[in-house]
Amino acid sequence: MSVHHPVDNNAGPTAGGESTKRRRVWWIVASAALAVLVVVLVVAGVAASNGAGPNLAGASQSPASTPRPKAMPTATPTAVPSRDPSSTAIPTAAPAPTEAAAAEPAPPAAQAPVPLTESAAAVPGVVFSVGALSAVDGVARGPGEVGGPSLRFTVTVRNDTPDTVSLGSTVVNLFFGAEQSPATELTASGGAPFPESVAPGATQQGTFVFAVPSDQRDQVSIAVDYSVGVPIVLFEGAAPR
């Protein structure tokens, strides 16, 4: 007699569950492998693109992309103010001095000298003469005077004109020696000046004293300056010692 073993009811479901689990595992593994493959491909693509990027950039880079040096700031030229021609001072030449101002006054003109014993006319009708020439000891009293050996003489003026002649500007001087040095007049040694004027047909006289060294009287000159612009009357000769 045959024995029937009881059928295990759990065998079928267990085998089916195992196969389902296996399929799930394989799907998971396949999915993971696929994901890894995708990741590897992506990484490889990225790496390839990164490696080619600099070369392409370098190949496509033009000289214009080279950094240019910065331009140095240039100074802005400022406009120079132009001068107004009308405001520019034009140097003017200094006025030339006139001949009268530049030239020294010329010495007064003198007539040809005459001897001490003769007479001479300063202008027509006004005649001068020298007389009473003598050696004296002069006395110094005025400023700058020096007393000592001197000469005293008179000068006479005769008016032969019909008008009164003024003597207000008439001056008498004496020069002595080879150098004709000017003598100093001693006003307080018996001298007397000319009067202010001479009437028509009249004669007037003045007395004069000049300090003259005794050893320099061989040649003396008595100069009578009658008026400005009139030549000087000169009397020359030897004087007593």
C-alpha atoms as a PDB file:
ATOM      1  CA  MET A   1       0.000   0.000   0.000  1.00  0.00           C
ATOM      2  CA  SER A   2       1.278   3.210  -1.090  1.00  0.00           C
ATOM      3  CA  VAL A   3       1.949   5.942   1.317  1.00  0.00           C
ATOM      4  CA  HIS A   4       1.101   9.495   0.242  1.00  0.00           C
ATOM      5  CA  HIS A   5       3.346  12.052   1.697  1.00  0.00           C
ATOM      6  CA  PRO A   6       1.692  15.280   2.427  1.00  0.00           C
ATOM      7  CA  VAL A   7       2.430  18.004  -0.074  1.00  0.00           C
ATOM      8  CA  ASP A   8       4.270  20.949   1.368  1.00  0.00           C
ATOM      9  CA  ASN A   9       2.060  23.866   0.537  1.00  0.00           C
ATOM     10  CA  ASN A  10       4.800  26.358   1.381  1.00  0.00           C
ATOM     11  CA  ALA A  11       7.176  25.090  -1.353  1.00  0.00           C
ATOM     12  CA  GLY A  12       5.487  26.903  -4.220  1.00  0.00           C
ATOM     13  CA  PRO A  13       5.215  30.301  -2.698  1.00  0.00           C
ATOM     14  CA  THR A  14       8.735  30.192  -1.356  1.00  0.00           C
ATOM     15  CA  ALA A  15      10.188  29.401  -4.752  1.00  0.00           C
ATOM     16  CA  GLY A  16       8.221  32.215  -6.355  1.00  0.00           C
ATOM     17  CA  GLY A  17       9.274  34.697  -3.713  1.00  0.00           C
ATOM     18  CA  GLU A  18      12.911  33.829  -4.139  1.00  0.00           C
ATOM     19  CA  SER A  19      12.731  34.380  -7.864  1.00  0.00           C
ATOM     20  CA  THR A  20      11.064  37.724  -7.372  1.00  0.00           C
ATOM     21  CA  LYS A  21      13.740  38.808  -4.955  1.00  0.00           C
ATOM     22  CA  ARG A  22      16.408  37.749  -7.396  1.00  0.00           C
ATOM     23  CA  ARG A  23      14.857  39.768 -10.141  1.00  0.00           C
ATOM     24  CA  ARG A  24      14.702  42.801  -7.911  1.00  0.00           C
ATOM     25  CA  VAL A  25      18.337  42.410  -6.965  1.00  0.00           C
ATOM     26  CA  TRP A  26      19.327  42.132 -10.593  1.00  0.00           C
ATOM     27  CA  TRP A  27      17.328  45.203 -11.464  1.00  0.00           C
ATOM     28  CA  ILE A  28      18.947  47.088  -8.689  1.00  0.00           C
ATOM     29  CA  VAL A  29      22.405  45.902  -9.741  1.00  0.00           C
ATOM     30  CA  ALA A  30      21.667  46.660 -13.390  1.00  0.00           C
ATOM     31  CA  SER A  31      20.297  50.047 -12.519  1.00  0.00           C
ATOM     32  CA  ALA A  32      23.326  50.780 -10.354  1.00  0.00           C
ATOM     33  CA  ALA A  33      25.664  49.628 -13.100  1.00  0.00           C
ATOM     34  CA  LEU A  34      23.810  51.734 -15.593  1.00  0.00           C
ATOM     35  CA  ALA A  35      23.979  54.716 -13.279  1.00  0.00           C
ATOM     36  CA  VAL A  36      27.694  54.169 -12.780  1.00  0.00           C
ATOM     37  CA  LEU A  37      28.150  53.911 -16.521  1.00  0.00           C
ATOM     38  CA  VAL A  38      26.214  57.103 -17.039  1.00  0.00           C
ATOM     39  CA  VAL A  39      28.277  58.826 -14.378  1.00  0.00           C
ATOM     40  CA  VAL A  40      31.494  57.564 -15.951  1.00  0.00           C
ATOM     41  CA  LEU A  41      30.373  58.754 -19.357  1.00  0.00           C
ATOM     42  CA  VAL A  42      29.368  62.124 -17.996  1.00  0.00           C
ATOM     43  CA  VAL A  43      32.638  62.508 -16.139  1.00  0.00           C
ATOM     44  CA  ALA A  44      34.567  61.469 -19.214  1.00  0.00           C
ATOM     45  CA  GLY A  45      32.644  63.938 -21.341  1.00  0.00           C
ATOM     46  CA  VAL A  46      33.221  66.739 -18.860  1.00  0.00           C
ATOM     47  CA  ALA A  47      36.911  65.911 -18.633  1.00  0.00           C
ATOM     48  CA  ALA A  48      37.169  65.830 -22.408  1.00  0.00           C
ATOM     49  CA  SER A  49      35.409  69.145 -22.737  1.00  0.00           C
ATOM     50  CA  ASN A  50      37.631  70.705 -20.044  1.00  0.00           C
ATOM     51  CA  GLY A  51      40.787  69.436 -21.720  1.00  0.00           C
ATOM     52  CA  ALA A  52      39.784  70.810 -25.112  1.00  0.00           C
ATOM     53  CA  GLY A  53      38.542  74.123 -23.738  1.00  0.00           C
ATOM     54  CA  PRO A  54      41.889  75.805 -22.988  1.00  0.00           C
ATOM     55  CA  ASN A  55      43.311  74.632 -26.323  1.00  0.00           C
ATOM     56  CA  LEU A  56      40.348  75.992 -28.193  1.00  0.00           C
ATOM     57  CA  ALA A  57      40.469  79.182 -26.197  1.00  0.00           C
ATOM     58  CA  GLY A  58      44.175  79.461 -26.830  1.00  0.00           C
ATOM     59  CA  ALA A  59      43.678  78.700 -30.522  1.00  0.00           C
ATOM     60  CA  SER A  60      40.892  81.175 -30.939  1.00  0.00           C
ATOM     61  CA  GLN A  61      42.583  83.859 -28.853  1.00  0.00           C
ATOM     62  CA  SER A  62      43.614  86.764 -31.058  1.00  0.00           C
ATOM     63  CA  PRO A  63      46.449  89.225 -30.470  1.00  0.00           C
ATOM     64  CA  ALA A  64      43.830  91.788 -29.676  1.00  0.00           C
ATOM     65  CA  SER A  65      43.003  89.887 -26.498  1.00  0.00           C
ATOM     66  CA  THR A  66      46.542  90.418 -25.152  1.00  0.00           C
ATOM     67  CA  PRO A  67      46.302  92.731 -22.163  1.00  0.00           C
ATOM     68  CA  ARG A  68      47.383  96.189 -23.210  1.00  0.00           C
ATOM     69  CA  PRO A  69      49.447  98.372 -20.942  1.00  0.00           C
ATOM     70  CA  LYS A  70      47.408 100.996 -19.269  1.00  0.00           C
ATOM     71  CA  ALA A  71      47.720 104.355 -20.898  1.00  0.00           C
ATOM     72  CA  MET A  72      49.525 106.856 -18.740  1.00  0.00           C
ATOM     73  CA  PRO A  73      47.426 109.878 -17.966  1.00  0.00           C
ATOM     74  CA  THR A  74      48.542 112.810 -20.058  1.00  0.00           C
ATOM     75  CA  ALA A  75      48.509 116.333 -18.764  1.00  0.00           C
ATOM     76  CA  THR A  76      45.884 118.436 -20.384  1.00  0.00           C
ATOM     77  CA  PRO A  77      47.635 121.413 -21.975  1.00  0.00           C
ATOM     78  CA  THR A  78      46.458 124.663 -20.560  1.00  0.00           C
ATOM     79  CA  ALA A  79      45.945 127.575 -22.822  1.00  0.00           C
ATOM     80  CA  VAL A  80      48.574 130.293 -22.452  1.00  0.00           C
ATOM     81  CA  PRO A  81      46.836 133.637 -22.201  1.00  0.00           C
ATOM     82  CA  SER A  82      47.751 135.723 -25.184  1.00  0.00           C
ATOM     83  CA  ARG A  83      49.036 139.199 -24.585  1.00  0.00           C
ATOM     84  CA  ASP A  84      47.025 142.059 -25.712  1.00  0.00           C
ATOM     85  CA  PRO A  85      49.240 143.982 -28.139  1.00  0.00           C
ATOM     86  CA  SER A  86      47.663 147.196 -26.977  1.00  0.00           C
ATOM     87  CA  SER A  87      48.668 146.503 -23.350  1.00  0.00           C
ATOM     88  CA  THR A  88      52.317 145.693 -24.142  1.00  0.00           C
ATOM     89  CA  ALA A  89      54.515 148.576 -23.165  1.00  0.00           C
ATOM     90  CA  ILE A  90      56.663 149.667 -26.074  1.00  0.00           C
ATOM     91  CA  PRO A  91      59.997 151.022 -24.880  1.00  0.00           C
ATOM     92  CA  THR A  92      60.462 154.538 -25.978  1.00  0.00           C
ATOM     93  CA  ALA A  93      63.801 156.083 -26.635  1.00  0.00           C
ATOM     94  CA  ALA A  94      64.943 158.579 -24.069  1.00  0.00           C
ATOM     95  CA  PRO A  95      64.797 162.089 -25.424  1.00  0.00           C
ATOM     96  CA  ALA A  96      68.149 163.248 -26.607  1.00  0.00           C
ATOM     97  CA  PRO A  97      69.484 166.029 -24.436  1.00  0.00           C
ATOM     98  CA  THR A  98      69.466 169.369 -26.081  1.00  0.00           C
ATOM     99  CA  GLU A  99      72.753 170.906 -27.014  1.00  0.00           C
ATOM    100  CA  ALA A 100      72.263 173.633 -24.461  1.00  0.00           C
ATOM    101  CA  ALA A 101      71.748 171.105 -21.629  1.00  0.00           C
ATOM    102  CA  ALA A 102      74.425 168.626 -22.706  1.00  0.00           C
ATOM    103  CA  ALA A 103      77.161 171.060 -23.594  1.00  0.00           C
ATOM    104  CA  GLU A 104      78.993 172.867 -20.847  1.00  0.00           C
ATOM    105  CA  PRO A 105      78.718 176.613 -20.991  1.00  0.00           C
ATOM    106  CA  ALA A 106      81.469 178.025 -23.124  1.00  0.00           C
ATOM    107  CA  PRO A 107      83.873 180.397 -21.431  1.00  0.00           C
ATOM    108  CA  PRO A 108      83.138 184.054 -22.078  1.00  0.00           C
ATOM    109  CA  ALA A 109      84.743 185.445 -25.168  1.00  0.00           C
ATOM    110  CA  ALA A 110      87.534 187.932 -24.670  1.00  0.00           C
ATOM    111  CA  GLN A 111      88.887 190.751 -26.737  1.00  0.00           C
ATOM    112  CA  ALA A 112      92.480 190.845 -27.830  1.00  0.00           C
ATOM    113  CA  PRO A 113      94.543 191.950 -24.807  1.00  0.00           C
ATOM    114  CA  VAL A 114      95.893 195.501 -24.604  1.00  0.00           C
ATOM    115  CA  PRO A 115      98.796 196.855 -22.491  1.00  0.00           C
ATOM    116  CA  LEU A 116      98.096 197.916 -18.923  1.00  0.00           C
ATOM    117  CA  THR A 117      98.684 201.540 -19.893  1.00  0.00           C
ATOM    118  CA  GLU A 118      96.089 201.664 -22.659  1.00  0.00           C
ATOM    119  CA  SER A 119      92.290 201.864 -22.737  1.00  0.00           C
ATOM    120  CA  ALA A 120      89.736 199.620 -24.435  1.00  0.00           C
ATOM    121  CA  ALA A 121      86.014 199.849 -25.192  1.00  0.00           C
ATOM    122  CA  ALA A 122      83.774 197.031 -24.048  1.00  0.00           C
ATOM    123  CA  VAL A 123      81.019 198.293 -26.350  1.00  0.00           C
ATOM    124  CA  PRO A 124      80.941 201.442 -28.449  1.00  0.00           C
ATOM    125  CA  GLY A 125      80.905 204.434 -26.112  1.00  0.00           C
ATOM    126  CA  VAL A 126      81.815 202.527 -22.905  1.00  0.00           C
ATOM    127  CA  VAL A 127      85.591 202.736 -22.396  1.00  0.00           C
ATOM    128  CA  PHE A 128      87.694 201.137 -19.618  1.00  0.00           C
ATOM    129  CA  SER A 129      91.251 201.818 -18.477  1.00  0.00           C
ATOM    130  CA  VAL A 130      93.591 200.690 -15.665  1.00  0.00           C
ATOM    131  CA  GLY A 131      95.596 203.086 -13.489  1.00  0.00           C
ATOM    132  CA  ALA A 132      97.447 203.548 -10.205  1.00  0.00           C
ATOM    133  CA  LEU A 133      98.856 200.009 -10.189  1.00  0.00           C
ATOM    134  CA  SER A 134     100.970 199.509  -7.049  1.00  0.00           C
ATOM    135  CA  ALA A 135     102.296 196.830  -4.677  1.00  0.00           C
ATOM    136  CA  VAL A 136     100.715 196.715  -1.209  1.00  0.00           C
ATOM    137  CA  ASP A 137     100.358 194.401   1.767  1.00  0.00           C
ATOM    138  CA  GLY A 138      96.873 193.071   1.646  1.00  0.00           C
ATOM    139  CA  VAL A 139      94.780 192.456   4.757  1.00  0.00           C
ATOM    140  CA  ALA A 140      92.514 189.430   4.888  1.00  0.00           C
ATOM    141  CA  ARG A 141      89.160 189.980   6.565  1.00  0.00           C
ATOM    142  CA  GLY A 142      86.579 188.264   4.453  1.00  0.00           C
ATOM    143  CA  PRO A 143      85.939 184.470   4.266  1.00  0.00           C
ATOM    144  CA  GLY A 144      88.534 182.637   2.178  1.00  0.00           C
ATOM    145  CA  GLU A 145      90.876 185.621   1.977  1.00  0.00           C
ATOM    146  CA  VAL A 146      94.618 185.306   2.608  1.00  0.00           C
ATOM    147  CA  GLY A 147      96.587 188.444   3.433  1.00  0.00           C
ATOM    148  CA  GLY A 148     100.061 189.185   2.147  1.00  0.00           C
ATOM    149  CA  PRO A 149     101.769 190.679  -0.897  1.00  0.00           C
ATOM    150  CA  SER A 150      99.100 192.177  -3.122  1.00  0.00           C
ATOM    151  CA  LEU A 151      98.461 194.529  -6.031  1.00  0.00           C
ATOM    152  CA  ARG A 152      96.115 197.480  -5.887  1.00  0.00           C
ATOM    153  CA  PHE A 153      94.838 199.345  -8.947  1.00  0.00           C
ATOM    154  CA  THR A 154      91.953 201.380 -10.231  1.00  0.00           C
ATOM    155  CA  VAL A 155      89.645 200.741 -13.166  1.00  0.00           C
ATOM    156  CA  THR A 156      88.044 203.774 -14.783  1.00  0.00           C
ATOM    157  CA  VAL A 157      84.949 203.651 -17.014  1.00  0.00           C
ATOM    158  CA  ARG A 158      83.970 206.525 -19.288  1.00  0.00           C
ATOM    159  CA  ASN A 159      80.482 206.782 -20.723  1.00  0.00           C
ATOM    160  CA  ASP A 160      80.572 208.373 -24.164  1.00  0.00           C
ATOM    161  CA  THR A 161      76.971 207.410 -24.955  1.00  0.00           C
ATOM    162  CA  PRO A 162      73.880 209.622 -24.607  1.00  0.00           C
ATOM    163  CA  ASP A 163      72.338 207.128 -22.155  1.00  0.00           C
ATOM    164  CA  THR A 164      73.083 206.137 -18.593  1.00  0.00           C
ATOM    165  CA  VAL A 165      75.260 203.019 -18.448  1.00  0.00           C
ATOM    166  CA  SER A 166      74.601 200.438 -15.727  1.00  0.00           C
ATOM    167  CA  LEU A 167      77.604 198.922 -13.931  1.00  0.00           C
ATOM    168  CA  GLY A 168      75.574 196.584 -11.748  1.00  0.00           C
ATOM    169  CA  SER A 169      76.850 193.438 -13.495  1.00  0.00           C
ATOM    170  CA  THR A 170      80.440 194.578 -14.155  1.00  0.00           C
ATOM    171  CA  VAL A 171      83.068 192.284 -12.600  1.00  0.00           C
ATOM    172  CA  VAL A 172      86.871 192.701 -12.361  1.00  0.00           C
ATOM    173  CA  ASN A 173      89.323 189.774 -11.983  1.00  0.00           C
ATOM    174  CA  LEU A 174      93.116 189.355 -11.987  1.00  0.00           C
ATOM    175  CA  PHE A 175      95.284 186.443 -13.197  1.00  0.00           C
ATOM    176  CA  PHE A 176      99.012 186.049 -12.672  1.00  0.00           C
ATOM    177  CA  GLY A 177     102.058 183.941 -13.536  1.00  0.00           C
ATOM    178  CA  ALA A 178     102.832 181.662 -16.420  1.00  0.00           C
ATOM    179  CA  GLU A 179      99.757 179.527 -15.597  1.00  0.00           C
ATOM    180  CA  GLN A 180      97.545 182.601 -15.298  1.00  0.00           C
ATOM    181  CA  SER A 181      96.231 181.499 -11.917  1.00  0.00           C
ATOM    182  CA  PRO A 182      93.250 183.441 -10.556  1.00  0.00           C
ATOM    183  CA  ALA A 183      94.074 185.845  -7.718  1.00  0.00           C
ATOM    184  CA  THR A 184      91.963 186.258  -4.578  1.00  0.00           C
ATOM    185  CA  GLU A 185      90.358 189.657  -4.106  1.00  0.00           C
ATOM    186  CA  LEU A 186      90.820 191.296  -0.703  1.00  0.00           C
ATOM    187  CA  THR A 187      87.746 193.436  -0.166  1.00  0.00           C
ATOM    188  CA  ALA A 188      88.913 195.129   3.075  1.00  0.00           C
ATOM    189  CA  SER A 189      92.301 196.436   1.926  1.00  0.00           C
ATOM    190  CA  GLY A 190      91.275 199.796   0.567  1.00  0.00           C
ATOM    191  CA  GLY A 191      89.115 198.498  -2.254  1.00  0.00           C
ATOM    192  CA  ALA A 192      85.976 200.260  -3.512  1.00  0.00           C
ATOM    193  CA  PRO A 193      83.475 198.752  -5.979  1.00  0.00           C
ATOM    194  CA  PHE A 194      82.020 200.449  -9.018  1.00  0.00           C
ATOM    195  CA  PRO A 195      78.970 202.652  -8.525  1.00  0.00           C
ATOM    196  CA  GLU A 196      75.663 201.398  -9.870  1.00  0.00           C
ATOM    197  CA  SER A 197      75.803 203.431 -13.070  1.00  0.00           C
ATOM    198  CA  VAL A 198      77.580 206.093 -15.106  1.00  0.00           C
ATOM    199  CA  ALA A 199      75.727 209.127 -16.421  1.00  0.00           C
ATOM    200  CA  PRO A 200      76.073 210.158 -20.061  1.00  0.00           C
ATOM    201  CA  GLY A 201      79.456 211.843 -20.651  1.00  0.00           C
ATOM    202  CA  ALA A 202      80.616 211.047 -17.091  1.00  0.00           C
ATOM    203  CA  THR A 203      83.447 208.918 -15.680  1.00  0.00           C
ATOM    204  CA  GLN A 204      83.353 206.531 -12.703  1.00  0.00           C
ATOM    205  CA  GLN A 205      86.036 204.507 -10.962  1.00  0.00           C
ATOM    206  CA  GLY A 206      86.501 201.447  -8.794  1.00  0.00           C
ATOM    207  CA  THR A 207      89.502 200.371  -6.687  1.00  0.00           C
ATOM    208  CA  PHE A 208      90.504 196.734  -6.389  1.00  0.00           C
ATOM    209  CA  VAL A 209      93.079 194.766  -4.346  1.00  0.00           C
ATOM    210  CA  PHE A 210      94.206 191.220  -5.244  1.00  0.00           C
ATOM    211  CA  ALA A 211      96.694 188.979  -3.441  1.00  0.00           C
ATOM    212  CA  VAL A 212      99.549 188.278  -5.874  1.00  0.00           C
ATOM    213  CA  PRO A 213     102.902 186.673  -4.912  1.00  0.00           C
ATOM    214  CA  SER A 214     105.808 189.068  -5.471  1.00  0.00           C
ATOM    215  CA  ASP A 215     107.748 186.605  -7.628  1.00  0.00           C
ATOM    216  CA  GLN A 216     104.848 186.015 -10.058  1.00  0.00           C
ATOM    217  CA  ARG A 217     104.094 189.519 -11.251  1.00  0.00           C
ATOM    218  CA  ASP A 218     105.996 189.514 -14.496  1.00  0.00           C
ATOM    219  CA  GLN A 219     102.813 188.702 -16.341  1.00  0.00           C
ATOM    220  CA  VAL A 220      99.469 189.761 -14.949  1.00  0.00           C
ATOM    221  CA  SER A 221      96.118 190.065 -16.678  1.00  0.00           C
ATOM    222  CA  ILE A 222      93.309 192.326 -15.500  1.00  0.00           C
ATOM    223  CA  ALA A 223      89.950 191.227 -16.927  1.00  0.00           C
ATOM    224  CA  VAL A 224      86.951 193.566 -16.995  1.00  0.00           C
ATOM    225  CA  ASP A 225      83.655 191.723 -17.632  1.00  0.00           C
ATOM    226  CA  TYR A 226      81.315 194.576 -18.434  1.00  0.00           C
ATOM    227  CA  SER A 227      78.073 192.659 -19.005  1.00  0.00           C
ATOM    228  CA  VAL A 228      76.700 189.255 -19.937  1.00  0.00           C
ATOM    229  CA  GLY A 229      77.175 188.519 -23.612  1.00  0.00           C
ATOM    230  CA  VAL A 230      79.799 191.229 -24.058  1.00  0.00           C
ATOM    231  CA  PRO A 231      83.417 190.159 -24.729  1.00  0.00           C
ATOM    232  CA  ILE A 232      85.755 190.654 -21.776  1.00  0.00           C
ATOM    233  CA  VAL A 233      88.242 193.500 -21.907  1.00  0.00           C
ATOM    234  CA  LEU A 234      91.813 192.324 -21.124  1.00  0.00           C
ATOM    235  CA  PHE A 235      94.764 194.362 -19.921  1.00  0.00           C
ATOM    236  CA  GLU A 236      98.157 192.650 -19.759  1.00  0.00           C
ATOM    237  CA  GLY A 237     101.664 193.508 -18.612  1.00  0.00           C
ATOM    238  CA  ALA A 238     104.186 193.378 -15.782  1.00  0.00           C
ATOM    239  CA  ALA A 239     103.236 194.654 -12.343  1.00  0.00           C
ATOM    240  CA  PRO A 240     105.444 196.244  -9.695  1.00  0.00           C
ATOM    241  CA  ARG A 241     106.881 194.014  -6.974  1.00  0.00           C
END
